C-alpha atoms as a PDB file:
ATOM      1  CA  UNK A   1       8.176 -11.987  -6.507  1.00  0.00           C
ATOM      2  CA  UNK A   2       6.350 -14.572  -4.472  1.00  0.00           C
ATOM      3  CA  UNK A   3       5.410 -17.390  -6.820  1.00  0.00           C
ATOM      4  CA  UNK A   4       2.730 -18.605  -4.383  1.00  0.00           C
ATOM      5  CA  UNK A   5       0.506 -15.654  -5.277  1.00  0.00           C
ATOM      6  CA  UNK A   6       0.911 -16.028  -9.044  1.00  0.00           C
ATOM      7  CA  UNK A   7      -2.328 -17.903  -9.544  1.00  0.00           C
ATOM      8  CA  UNK A   8      -5.206 -17.274 -11.976  1.00  0.00           C
ATOM      9  CA  UNK A   9      -7.465 -15.855  -9.252  1.00  0.00           C
ATOM     10  CA  UNK A  10      -4.922 -13.191  -8.288  1.00  0.00           C
ATOM     11  CA  UNK A  11      -4.324 -12.419 -11.975  1.00  0.00           C
ATOM     12  CA  UNK A  12      -8.060 -11.836 -12.450  1.00  0.00           C
ATOM     13  CA  UNK A  13      -8.242  -9.670  -9.329  1.00  0.00           C
ATOM     14  CA  UNK A  14      -5.293  -7.524 -10.435  1.00  0.00           C
ATOM     15  CA  UNK A  15      -6.743  -7.241 -13.940  1.00  0.00           C
ATOM     16  CA  UNK A  16      -9.957  -5.965 -12.329  1.00  0.00           C
ATOM     17  CA  UNK A  17      -8.014  -3.393 -10.258  1.00  0.00           C
ATOM     18  CA  UNK A  18      -6.263  -2.180 -13.394  1.00  0.00           C
ATOM     19  CA  UNK A  19      -9.625  -1.409 -15.038  1.00  0.00           C
ATOM     20  CA  UNK A  20     -10.465   1.206 -12.402  1.00  0.00           C
ATOM     21  CA  UNK A  21     -10.284   4.655 -13.954  1.00  0.00           C
ATOM     22  CA  UNK A  22     -10.511   7.037 -11.005  1.00  0.00           C
ATOM     23  CA  UNK A  23     -10.579   7.322  -7.249  1.00  0.00           C
ATOM     24  CA  UNK A  24     -14.375   7.059  -7.008  1.00  0.00           C
ATOM     25  CA  UNK A  25     -14.345   3.774  -8.943  1.00  0.00           C
ATOM     26  CA  UNK A  26     -11.531   2.538  -6.689  1.00  0.00           C
ATOM     27  CA  UNK A  27     -13.533   3.462  -3.581  1.00  0.00           C
ATOM     28  CA  UNK A  28     -16.588   1.603  -4.908  1.00  0.00           C
ATOM     29  CA  UNK A  29     -14.602  -1.504  -5.789  1.00  0.00           C
ATOM     30  CA  UNK A  30     -12.564  -1.696  -2.601  1.00  0.00           C
ATOM     31  CA  UNK A  31     -15.553  -0.943  -0.380  1.00  0.00           C
ATOM     32  CA  UNK A  32     -17.283  -3.908  -2.013  1.00  0.00           C
ATOM     33  CA  UNK A  33     -14.344  -6.302  -1.860  1.00  0.00           C
ATOM     34  CA  UNK A  34     -12.832  -5.390   1.531  1.00  0.00           C
ATOM     35  CA  UNK A  35     -14.252  -4.895   4.966  1.00  0.00           C
ATOM     36  CA  UNK A  36     -13.777  -1.401   6.356  1.00  0.00           C
ATOM     37  CA  UNK A  37     -11.074  -2.710   8.693  1.00  0.00           C
ATOM     38  CA  UNK A  38      -9.214  -4.471   5.858  1.00  0.00           C
ATOM     39  CA  UNK A  39      -9.182  -1.334   3.735  1.00  0.00           C
ATOM     40  CA  UNK A  40      -8.082   0.820   6.661  1.00  0.00           C
ATOM     41  CA  UNK A  41      -5.292  -1.683   7.464  1.00  0.00           C
ATOM     42  CA  UNK A  42      -4.022  -1.572   3.876  1.00  0.00           C
ATOM     43  CA  UNK A  43      -4.116   2.234   3.887  1.00  0.00           C
ATOM     44  CA  UNK A  44      -2.324   2.279   7.249  1.00  0.00           C
ATOM     45  CA  UNK A  45       0.488   0.107   5.873  1.00  0.00           C
ATOM     46  CA  UNK A  46       0.902   2.436   2.922  1.00  0.00           C
ATOM     47  CA  UNK A  47       1.094   5.449   5.248  1.00  0.00           C
ATOM     48  CA  UNK A  48       3.613   3.610   7.434  1.00  0.00           C
ATOM     49  CA  UNK A  49       5.746   2.932   4.345  1.00  0.00           C
ATOM     50  CA  UNK A  50       5.592   6.594   3.330  1.00  0.00           C
ATOM     51  CA  UNK A  51       6.625   7.687   6.795  1.00  0.00           C
ATOM     52  CA  UNK A  52       9.470   5.156   6.919  1.00  0.00           C
ATOM     53  CA  UNK A  53      10.761   6.480   3.585  1.00  0.00           C
ATOM     54  CA  UNK A  54      10.642   9.960   5.139  1.00  0.00           C
ATOM     55  CA  UNK A  55      12.964   8.614   7.892  1.00  0.00           C
ATOM     56  CA  UNK A  56      10.401   8.924  10.676  1.00  0.00           C
ATOM     57  CA  UNK A  57      10.958   6.920  13.849  1.00  0.00           C
ATOM     58  CA  UNK A  58       8.911   3.873  14.810  1.00  0.00           C
ATOM     59  CA  UNK A  59       7.587   5.775  17.822  1.00  0.00           C
ATOM     60  CA  UNK A  60       6.476   8.726  15.706  1.00  0.00           C
ATOM     61  CA  UNK A  61       4.889   6.438  13.120  1.00  0.00           C
ATOM     62  CA  UNK A  62       3.081   4.443  15.795  1.00  0.00           C
ATOM     63  CA  UNK A  63       1.771   7.592  17.471  1.00  0.00           C
ATOM     64  CA  UNK A  64       0.587   9.155  14.189  1.00  0.00           C
ATOM     65  CA  UNK A  65      -0.916   6.041  12.567  1.00  0.00           C
ATOM     66  CA  UNK A  66      -1.820   3.765  15.462  1.00  0.00           C
ATOM     67  CA  UNK A  67       0.189   0.979  13.812  1.00  0.00           C
ATOM     68  CA  UNK A  68       1.862  -1.555  16.058  1.00  0.00           C
ATOM     69  CA  UNK A  69       5.626  -1.874  16.014  1.00  0.00           C
ATOM     70  CA  UNK A  70       5.122  -5.346  14.515  1.00  0.00           C
ATOM     71  CA  UNK A  71       3.231  -3.819  11.560  1.00  0.00           C
ATOM     72  CA  UNK A  72       5.852  -1.095  11.164  1.00  0.00           C
ATOM     73  CA  UNK A  73       8.596  -3.733  11.212  1.00  0.00           C
ATOM     74  CA  UNK A  74       6.816  -5.841   8.554  1.00  0.00           C
ATOM     75  CA  UNK A  75       6.384  -2.817   6.302  1.00  0.00           C
ATOM     76  CA  UNK A  76      10.028  -1.848   6.853  1.00  0.00           C
ATOM     77  CA  UNK A  77      11.102  -5.362   5.874  1.00  0.00           C
ATOM     78  CA  UNK A  78       9.060  -5.055   2.670  1.00  0.00           C
ATOM     79  CA  UNK A  79      10.669  -1.702   1.898  1.00  0.00           C
ATOM     80  CA  UNK A  80      14.157  -3.096   2.410  1.00  0.00           C
ATOM     81  CA  UNK A  81      13.843  -6.634   1.069  1.00  0.00           C
ATOM     82  CA  UNK A  82      10.605  -6.690  -0.932  1.00  0.00           C
ATOM     83  CA  UNK A  83       9.818  -6.168  -4.596  1.00  0.00           C
ATOM     84  CA  UNK A  84      10.003  -2.341  -4.610  1.00  0.00           C
ATOM     85  CA  UNK A  85       6.248  -2.025  -5.082  1.00  0.00           C
ATOM     86  CA  UNK A  86       5.932   0.735  -2.509  1.00  0.00           C
ATOM     87  CA  UNK A  87       8.814   2.693  -4.034  1.00  0.00           C
ATOM     88  CA  UNK A  88       7.355   2.347  -7.521  1.00  0.00           C
ATOM     89  CA  UNK A  89       4.117   3.974  -6.401  1.00  0.00           C
ATOM     90  CA  UNK A  90       5.905   6.680  -4.400  1.00  0.00           C
ATOM     91  CA  UNK A  91       7.944   7.563  -7.483  1.00  0.00           C
ATOM     92  CA  UNK A  92       4.949   7.639  -9.796  1.00  0.00           C
ATOM     93  CA  UNK A  93       2.889   9.748  -7.419  1.00  0.00           C
ATOM     94  CA  UNK A  94       5.787  12.215  -7.077  1.00  0.00           C
ATOM     95  CA  UNK A  95       6.086  12.412 -10.864  1.00  0.00           C
ATOM     96  CA  UNK A  96       2.344  13.009 -11.175  1.00  0.00           C
ATOM     97  CA  UNK A  97       2.485  15.763  -8.558  1.00  0.00           C
ATOM     98  CA  UNK A  98       5.456  17.381 -10.331  1.00  0.00           C
ATOM     99  CA  UNK A  99       3.402  17.632 -13.537  1.00  0.00           C
ATOM    100  CA  UNK A 100       0.586  19.476 -11.774  1.00  0.00           C
END
């Protein structure tokens, strides 16, 4: 993991995120802390990652999400050489859906 982000302020922020108990609380928090464009950009990256894991092409992803090829490439690099954060959430969401 990137040691440059392991600072007390990020720890406090992540601790705050972990207190959120449901989607409505998450919406309230992230609408307060992010601009609309920042939140939409984060959500777009997550959707790009999901589509990349589903083996979709850059062209298809770009057409469906509006993401630039540069953004798609950055997300792909994170999927392949990052800290497996995307994959952890994909796995946990799949497990949650399997229990339903």
